[in-house]
């Protein structure tokens, strides 16, 4: 179960459990929780604690019109202490860079403060 919270106006956080498999159902759950918190486009900090996999159906949603319409920027925060750390980075890097086009900026971080500072640059004034 993915946890979605508001960090501040214009920035939400989605935290995935350790060793999660990101599926169509879990991305739909995340998206509905985000939309319940705000109807405005927002930056999203995604905290990954080592994911085992991401299904093709999940990627289609991530790169789909609905998610793109609510996402102004995506910061992915990796947890070095989790299992599947390198596997998660490689899997996400390859998919975002090669397989699925998204219109919002995506950047990878290992430090939450840096991720939040980057997301703040995309907030509407």
C-alpha atoms as a PDB file:
ATOM      1  CA  UNK A   1       0.000   0.000   0.000  1.00  0.00           C
ATOM      2  CA  UNK A   2       1.423   3.335  -1.078  1.00  0.00           C
ATOM      3  CA  UNK A   3       1.271   6.250   1.358  1.00  0.00           C
ATOM      4  CA  UNK A   4       0.548   9.704  -0.108  1.00  0.00           C
ATOM      5  CA  UNK A   5       0.886  12.882   1.966  1.00  0.00           C
ATOM      6  CA  UNK A   6       1.111  16.612   1.433  1.00  0.00           C
ATOM      7  CA  UNK A   7       4.522  18.097   2.237  1.00  0.00           C
ATOM      8  CA  UNK A   8       3.553  21.687   1.485  1.00  0.00           C
ATOM      9  CA  UNK A   9       1.337  23.548  -0.963  1.00  0.00           C
ATOM     10  CA  UNK A  10       2.252  22.337  -4.435  1.00  0.00           C
ATOM     11  CA  UNK A  11       4.329  19.320  -3.329  1.00  0.00           C
ATOM     12  CA  UNK A  12       3.073  15.853  -2.422  1.00  0.00           C
ATOM     13  CA  UNK A  13       5.005  12.803  -1.271  1.00  0.00           C
ATOM     14  CA  UNK A  14       4.362   9.231  -2.314  1.00  0.00           C
ATOM     15  CA  UNK A  15       6.139   6.628  -0.199  1.00  0.00           C
ATOM     16  CA  UNK A  16       6.344   3.059  -1.401  1.00  0.00           C
ATOM     17  CA  UNK A  17       6.894   0.124   0.968  1.00  0.00           C
ATOM     18  CA  UNK A  18      10.170  -1.803   0.897  1.00  0.00           C
ATOM     19  CA  UNK A  19      10.558  -4.160  -2.033  1.00  0.00           C
ATOM     20  CA  UNK A  20       7.253  -3.188  -3.629  1.00  0.00           C
ATOM     21  CA  UNK A  21       6.078  -4.324  -7.020  1.00  0.00           C
ATOM     22  CA  UNK A  22       4.599  -1.271  -8.709  1.00  0.00           C
ATOM     23  CA  UNK A  23       1.482  -2.471 -10.498  1.00  0.00           C
ATOM     24  CA  UNK A  24      -1.412  -0.897 -12.364  1.00  0.00           C
ATOM     25  CA  UNK A  25      -3.559  -1.140  -9.208  1.00  0.00           C
ATOM     26  CA  UNK A  26      -0.913   0.494  -6.982  1.00  0.00           C
ATOM     27  CA  UNK A  27      -0.326   3.379  -9.424  1.00  0.00           C
ATOM     28  CA  UNK A  28      -4.092   3.896  -9.717  1.00  0.00           C
ATOM     29  CA  UNK A  29      -4.250   3.951  -5.894  1.00  0.00           C
ATOM     30  CA  UNK A  30      -1.428   6.503  -5.730  1.00  0.00           C
ATOM     31  CA  UNK A  31      -3.058   8.684  -8.390  1.00  0.00           C
ATOM     32  CA  UNK A  32      -6.455   8.693  -6.665  1.00  0.00           C
ATOM     33  CA  UNK A  33      -4.835   9.571  -3.321  1.00  0.00           C
ATOM     34  CA  UNK A  34      -2.953  12.435  -4.979  1.00  0.00           C
ATOM     35  CA  UNK A  35      -6.138  13.749  -6.576  1.00  0.00           C
ATOM     36  CA  UNK A  36      -7.958  13.508  -3.225  1.00  0.00           C
ATOM     37  CA  UNK A  37      -5.331  15.852  -1.727  1.00  0.00           C
ATOM     38  CA  UNK A  38      -5.329  18.426  -4.546  1.00  0.00           C
ATOM     39  CA  UNK A  39      -6.855  19.107  -7.928  1.00  0.00           C
ATOM     40  CA  UNK A  40      -3.924  21.320  -8.926  1.00  0.00           C
ATOM     41  CA  UNK A  41      -0.803  20.151 -10.774  1.00  0.00           C
ATOM     42  CA  UNK A  42       1.927  19.495  -8.212  1.00  0.00           C
ATOM     43  CA  UNK A  43       5.449  18.297  -7.723  1.00  0.00           C
ATOM     44  CA  UNK A  44       5.768  14.740  -6.470  1.00  0.00           C
ATOM     45  CA  UNK A  45       8.510  13.355  -4.260  1.00  0.00           C
ATOM     46  CA  UNK A  46       8.527   9.575  -4.650  1.00  0.00           C
ATOM     47  CA  UNK A  47      10.352   7.716  -1.893  1.00  0.00           C
ATOM     48  CA  UNK A  48      11.470   4.286  -3.069  1.00  0.00           C
ATOM     49  CA  UNK A  49      12.685   1.726  -0.559  1.00  0.00           C
ATOM     50  CA  UNK A  50      13.874  -0.757  -3.146  1.00  0.00           C
ATOM     51  CA  UNK A  51      11.300  -1.872  -5.692  1.00  0.00           C
ATOM     52  CA  UNK A  52      11.254  -5.385  -7.106  1.00  0.00           C
ATOM     53  CA  UNK A  53       9.549  -4.432 -10.326  1.00  0.00           C
ATOM     54  CA  UNK A  54       7.260  -2.137 -12.281  1.00  0.00           C
ATOM     55  CA  UNK A  55       4.665  -3.661 -14.584  1.00  0.00           C
ATOM     56  CA  UNK A  56       4.162  -2.430 -18.139  1.00  0.00           C
ATOM     57  CA  UNK A  57       0.577  -1.456 -17.254  1.00  0.00           C
ATOM     58  CA  UNK A  58       1.905   0.736 -14.423  1.00  0.00           C
ATOM     59  CA  UNK A  59       4.327   2.463 -16.824  1.00  0.00           C
ATOM     60  CA  UNK A  60       1.476   3.187 -19.222  1.00  0.00           C
ATOM     61  CA  UNK A  61      -0.375   5.009 -16.413  1.00  0.00           C
ATOM     62  CA  UNK A  62       2.763   6.889 -15.302  1.00  0.00           C
ATOM     63  CA  UNK A  63       3.266   8.169 -18.841  1.00  0.00           C
ATOM     64  CA  UNK A  64      -0.465   8.633 -19.497  1.00  0.00           C
ATOM     65  CA  UNK A  65      -2.415  11.860 -19.866  1.00  0.00           C
ATOM     66  CA  UNK A  66      -4.026  11.795 -16.403  1.00  0.00           C
ATOM     67  CA  UNK A  67      -0.765  11.503 -14.441  1.00  0.00           C
ATOM     68  CA  UNK A  68       0.966  13.956 -16.767  1.00  0.00           C
ATOM     69  CA  UNK A  69      -1.822  16.505 -16.241  1.00  0.00           C
ATOM     70  CA  UNK A  70      -1.398  16.502 -12.439  1.00  0.00           C
ATOM     71  CA  UNK A  71       2.410  16.231 -12.263  1.00  0.00           C
ATOM     72  CA  UNK A  72       4.550  19.360 -12.636  1.00  0.00           C
ATOM     73  CA  UNK A  73       7.812  17.585 -11.698  1.00  0.00           C
ATOM     74  CA  UNK A  74       8.861  14.228 -10.277  1.00  0.00           C
ATOM     75  CA  UNK A  75      11.736  13.764  -7.824  1.00  0.00           C
ATOM     76  CA  UNK A  76      12.618  10.147  -7.137  1.00  0.00           C
ATOM     77  CA  UNK A  77      14.366   9.579  -3.821  1.00  0.00           C
ATOM     78  CA  UNK A  78      16.254   6.304  -3.462  1.00  0.00           C
ATOM     79  CA  UNK A  79      17.000   4.654  -0.134  1.00  0.00           C
ATOM     80  CA  UNK A  80      20.569   3.315  -0.237  1.00  0.00           C
ATOM     81  CA  UNK A  81      19.932   1.161   2.827  1.00  0.00           C
ATOM     82  CA  UNK A  82      17.115  -0.791   1.211  1.00  0.00           C
ATOM     83  CA  UNK A  83      17.453  -3.997  -0.709  1.00  0.00           C
ATOM     84  CA  UNK A  84      17.130  -3.792  -4.482  1.00  0.00           C
ATOM     85  CA  UNK A  85      18.747  -0.322  -4.414  1.00  0.00           C
ATOM     86  CA  UNK A  86      20.831  -0.686  -7.605  1.00  0.00           C
ATOM     87  CA  UNK A  87      18.130  -2.781  -9.285  1.00  0.00           C
ATOM     88  CA  UNK A  88      15.567  -0.030  -8.607  1.00  0.00           C
ATOM     89  CA  UNK A  89      17.811   2.703 -10.009  1.00  0.00           C
ATOM     90  CA  UNK A  90      18.618   0.803 -13.183  1.00  0.00           C
ATOM     91  CA  UNK A  91      15.005  -0.212 -13.784  1.00  0.00           C
ATOM     92  CA  UNK A  92      13.602   3.291 -13.318  1.00  0.00           C
ATOM     93  CA  UNK A  93      16.450   4.987 -15.226  1.00  0.00           C
ATOM     94  CA  UNK A  94      16.029   2.738 -18.251  1.00  0.00           C
ATOM     95  CA  UNK A  95      12.257   3.069 -18.385  1.00  0.00           C
ATOM     96  CA  UNK A  96      12.141   6.864 -17.998  1.00  0.00           C
ATOM     97  CA  UNK A  97      15.035   7.459 -20.358  1.00  0.00           C
ATOM     98  CA  UNK A  98      14.214   4.943 -23.082  1.00  0.00           C
ATOM     99  CA  UNK A  99      10.780   3.345 -22.984  1.00  0.00           C
ATOM    100  CA  UNK A 100       8.211   5.893 -21.857  1.00  0.00           C
ATOM    101  CA  UNK A 101       8.051   9.597 -22.624  1.00  0.00           C
ATOM    102  CA  UNK A 102       6.766  11.956 -19.952  1.00  0.00           C
ATOM    103  CA  UNK A 103       6.225  15.691 -20.313  1.00  0.00           C
ATOM    104  CA  UNK A 104       7.204  16.542 -16.738  1.00  0.00           C
ATOM    105  CA  UNK A 105      10.818  16.857 -15.540  1.00  0.00           C
ATOM    106  CA  UNK A 106      12.205  13.839 -13.676  1.00  0.00           C
ATOM    107  CA  UNK A 107      15.306  13.828 -11.496  1.00  0.00           C
ATOM    108  CA  UNK A 108      16.823  11.225  -9.175  1.00  0.00           C
ATOM    109  CA  UNK A 109      18.089  12.015  -5.667  1.00  0.00           C
ATOM    110  CA  UNK A 110      19.645  10.368  -2.645  1.00  0.00           C
ATOM    111  CA  UNK A 111      19.032  13.391  -0.375  1.00  0.00           C
ATOM    112  CA  UNK A 112      15.512  14.553   0.514  1.00  0.00           C
ATOM    113  CA  UNK A 113      16.492  18.185   1.071  1.00  0.00           C
ATOM    114  CA  UNK A 114      17.956  18.461  -2.421  1.00  0.00           C
ATOM    115  CA  UNK A 115      14.889  16.784  -3.922  1.00  0.00           C
ATOM    116  CA  UNK A 116      12.532  19.228  -2.197  1.00  0.00           C
ATOM    117  CA  UNK A 117      14.607  22.246  -3.227  1.00  0.00           C
ATOM    118  CA  UNK A 118      14.474  21.053  -6.836  1.00  0.00           C
ATOM    119  CA  UNK A 119      10.681  20.481  -6.695  1.00  0.00           C
ATOM    120  CA  UNK A 120      10.117  23.962  -5.261  1.00  0.00           C
ATOM    121  CA  UNK A 121      11.531  25.451  -8.463  1.00  0.00           C
ATOM    122  CA  UNK A 122       8.491  24.041 -10.317  1.00  0.00           C
ATOM    123  CA  UNK A 123       5.816  25.378  -7.959  1.00  0.00           C
ATOM    124  CA  UNK A 124       3.380  27.913  -9.337  1.00  0.00           C
ATOM    125  CA  UNK A 125       3.907  31.329  -7.777  1.00  0.00           C
END
